[in-house]
Amino acid sequence: MSKQITTPTSQDLTKGLEIVELEQRLEMVHLTAVEAEASSRCDVGGNVEVPDIQVRMV
């Protein structure tokens, strides 16, 4: 069995960049939610639910 190396197309590169951008956005949303939760702990009686976030690539 030989493995064939193929050159990525511009469509492959575009899709890869879109995935990286979505991952970065998801990380920012997560960090914002964590900061909001930590901030609410400083408030008297603060209670903030941080929802689970799921991403599905199509």
N, C-alpha and C. Protein backbone atom coordinates (compact mmCIF):
# COMPACT_ATOMS: atom_id res chain seq x y z
N MET A 1 0.83 -1.19 0.00
CA MET A 1 0.00 0.00 0.00
C MET A 1 0.87 1.25 0.00
N SER A 2 0.60 2.10 -0.93
CA SER A 2 1.33 3.36 -0.97
C SER A 2 0.37 4.50 -0.69
N LYS A 3 0.86 5.45 0.05
CA LYS A 3 0.04 6.62 0.37
C LYS A 3 0.34 7.70 -0.64
N GLN A 4 -0.72 8.26 -1.19
CA GLN A 4 -0.54 9.31 -2.18
C GLN A 4 -0.77 10.67 -1.53
N ILE A 5 0.16 11.56 -1.73
CA ILE A 5 0.05 12.91 -1.19
C ILE A 5 -0.57 13.79 -2.26
N THR A 6 -1.64 14.47 -1.89
CA THR A 6 -2.30 15.34 -2.85
C THR A 6 -2.12 16.79 -2.43
N THR A 7 -2.11 17.65 -3.39
CA THR A 7 -2.01 19.08 -3.14
C THR A 7 -3.39 19.62 -2.80
N PRO A 8 -3.50 20.35 -1.69
CA PRO A 8 -4.81 20.90 -1.34
C PRO A 8 -5.29 21.92 -2.37
N THR A 9 -6.57 21.91 -2.61
CA THR A 9 -7.15 22.88 -3.53
C THR A 9 -7.49 24.15 -2.77
N SER A 10 -7.82 25.20 -3.50
CA SER A 10 -8.21 26.44 -2.84
C SER A 10 -9.48 26.23 -2.03
N GLN A 11 -10.35 25.33 -2.49
CA GLN A 11 -11.58 25.03 -1.74
C GLN A 11 -11.23 24.35 -0.42
N ASP A 12 -10.25 23.43 -0.43
CA ASP A 12 -9.81 22.78 0.80
C ASP A 12 -9.25 23.80 1.78
N LEU A 13 -8.44 24.72 1.27
CA LEU A 13 -7.84 25.75 2.12
C LEU A 13 -8.90 26.68 2.70
N THR A 14 -9.87 27.05 1.87
CA THR A 14 -10.95 27.91 2.34
C THR A 14 -11.74 27.22 3.44
N LYS A 15 -12.07 25.95 3.25
CA LYS A 15 -12.82 25.19 4.25
C LYS A 15 -12.01 25.09 5.55
N GLY A 16 -10.70 24.86 5.41
CA GLY A 16 -9.84 24.79 6.59
C GLY A 16 -9.82 26.10 7.36
N LEU A 17 -9.75 27.21 6.65
CA LEU A 17 -9.76 28.52 7.30
C LEU A 17 -11.09 28.78 7.99
N GLU A 18 -12.19 28.35 7.37
CA GLU A 18 -13.50 28.51 7.98
C GLU A 18 -13.58 27.72 9.28
N ILE A 19 -13.03 26.52 9.28
CA ILE A 19 -13.04 25.69 10.49
C ILE A 19 -12.23 26.35 11.59
N VAL A 20 -11.05 26.87 11.25
CA VAL A 20 -10.21 27.54 12.24
C VAL A 20 -10.94 28.76 12.81
N GLU A 21 -11.59 29.53 11.94
CA GLU A 21 -12.33 30.71 12.40
C GLU A 21 -13.47 30.32 13.33
N LEU A 22 -14.20 29.26 13.00
CA LEU A 22 -15.29 28.80 13.87
C LEU A 22 -14.76 28.33 15.22
N GLU A 23 -13.62 27.64 15.21
CA GLU A 23 -13.02 27.19 16.47
C GLU A 23 -12.61 28.38 17.33
N GLN A 24 -12.06 29.42 16.70
CA GLN A 24 -11.66 30.62 17.45
C GLN A 24 -12.88 31.32 18.04
N ARG A 25 -13.95 31.41 17.25
CA ARG A 25 -15.17 32.05 17.75
C ARG A 25 -15.75 31.26 18.91
N LEU A 26 -15.76 29.94 18.79
CA LEU A 26 -16.27 29.09 19.86
C LEU A 26 -15.46 29.28 21.14
N GLU A 27 -14.15 29.37 21.00
CA GLU A 27 -13.28 29.59 22.16
C GLU A 27 -13.58 30.94 22.81
N MET A 28 -13.80 31.98 22.00
CA MET A 28 -14.13 33.30 22.54
C MET A 28 -15.47 33.27 23.29
N VAL A 29 -16.45 32.58 22.73
CA VAL A 29 -17.76 32.46 23.39
C VAL A 29 -17.59 31.73 24.71
N HIS A 30 -16.81 30.67 24.71
CA HIS A 30 -16.58 29.91 25.93
C HIS A 30 -15.89 30.77 26.99
N LEU A 31 -14.84 31.49 26.59
CA LEU A 31 -14.13 32.35 27.54
C LEU A 31 -15.04 33.44 28.09
N THR A 32 -15.89 34.01 27.24
CA THR A 32 -16.82 35.03 27.69
C THR A 32 -17.80 34.46 28.70
N ALA A 33 -18.29 33.25 28.44
CA ALA A 33 -19.22 32.60 29.36
C ALA A 33 -18.54 32.30 30.70
N VAL A 34 -17.30 31.84 30.65
CA VAL A 34 -16.57 31.55 31.88
C VAL A 34 -16.34 32.83 32.68
N GLU A 35 -15.99 33.92 31.99
CA GLU A 35 -15.80 35.20 32.68
C GLU A 35 -17.10 35.69 33.30
N ALA A 36 -18.20 35.53 32.59
CA ALA A 36 -19.50 35.95 33.13
C ALA A 36 -19.86 35.14 34.36
N GLU A 37 -19.58 33.85 34.32
CA GLU A 37 -19.88 33.00 35.47
C GLU A 37 -19.02 33.40 36.66
N ALA A 38 -17.74 33.65 36.42
CA ALA A 38 -16.84 34.06 37.50
C ALA A 38 -17.26 35.41 38.07
N SER A 39 -17.68 36.32 37.21
CA SER A 39 -18.11 37.63 37.65
C SER A 39 -19.37 37.53 38.50
N SER A 40 -20.27 36.65 38.11
CA SER A 40 -21.53 36.52 38.86
C SER A 40 -21.28 35.95 40.25
N ARG A 41 -20.20 35.21 40.40
CA ARG A 41 -19.87 34.66 41.72
C ARG A 41 -19.48 35.77 42.69
N CYS A 42 -18.99 36.88 42.14
CA CYS A 42 -18.60 38.00 42.98
C CYS A 42 -19.82 38.80 43.44
N ASP A 43 -20.91 38.73 42.67
CA ASP A 43 -22.13 39.43 43.04
C ASP A 43 -22.82 38.68 44.17
N VAL A 44 -23.52 39.42 45.00
CA VAL A 44 -24.25 38.79 46.10
C VAL A 44 -25.43 38.03 45.52
N GLY A 45 -25.45 36.73 45.75
CA GLY A 45 -26.57 35.91 45.27
C GLY A 45 -26.63 35.74 43.77
N GLY A 46 -25.56 36.05 43.07
CA GLY A 46 -25.57 35.92 41.61
C GLY A 46 -25.63 34.47 41.18
N ASN A 47 -26.43 34.19 40.18
CA ASN A 47 -26.54 32.83 39.67
C ASN A 47 -26.72 32.90 38.16
N VAL A 48 -25.69 32.53 37.44
CA VAL A 48 -25.74 32.57 35.98
C VAL A 48 -25.46 31.17 35.45
N GLU A 49 -26.34 30.68 34.59
CA GLU A 49 -26.11 29.39 33.97
C GLU A 49 -25.33 29.57 32.68
N VAL A 50 -24.32 28.76 32.51
CA VAL A 50 -23.54 28.80 31.28
C VAL A 50 -23.99 27.60 30.44
N PRO A 51 -24.64 27.87 29.30
CA PRO A 51 -25.16 26.76 28.50
C PRO A 51 -24.05 25.98 27.81
N ASP A 52 -24.31 24.69 27.60
CA ASP A 52 -23.39 23.88 26.81
C ASP A 52 -23.51 24.31 25.36
N ILE A 53 -22.39 24.42 24.70
CA ILE A 53 -22.37 24.85 23.30
C ILE A 53 -21.87 23.69 22.45
N GLN A 54 -22.64 23.36 21.43
CA GLN A 54 -22.24 22.30 20.52
C GLN A 54 -22.19 22.84 19.11
N VAL A 55 -21.17 22.44 18.38
CA VAL A 55 -21.03 22.88 16.99
C VAL A 55 -21.01 21.64 16.11
N ARG A 56 -21.78 21.70 15.04
CA ARG A 56 -21.80 20.59 14.09
C ARG A 56 -21.37 21.11 12.74
N MET A 57 -20.34 20.52 12.18
CA MET A 57 -19.86 20.93 10.86
C MET A 57 -20.67 20.19 9.81
N VAL A 58 -21.10 20.92 8.80
CA VAL A 58 -21.89 20.31 7.73
C VAL A 58 -21.01 20.02 6.54
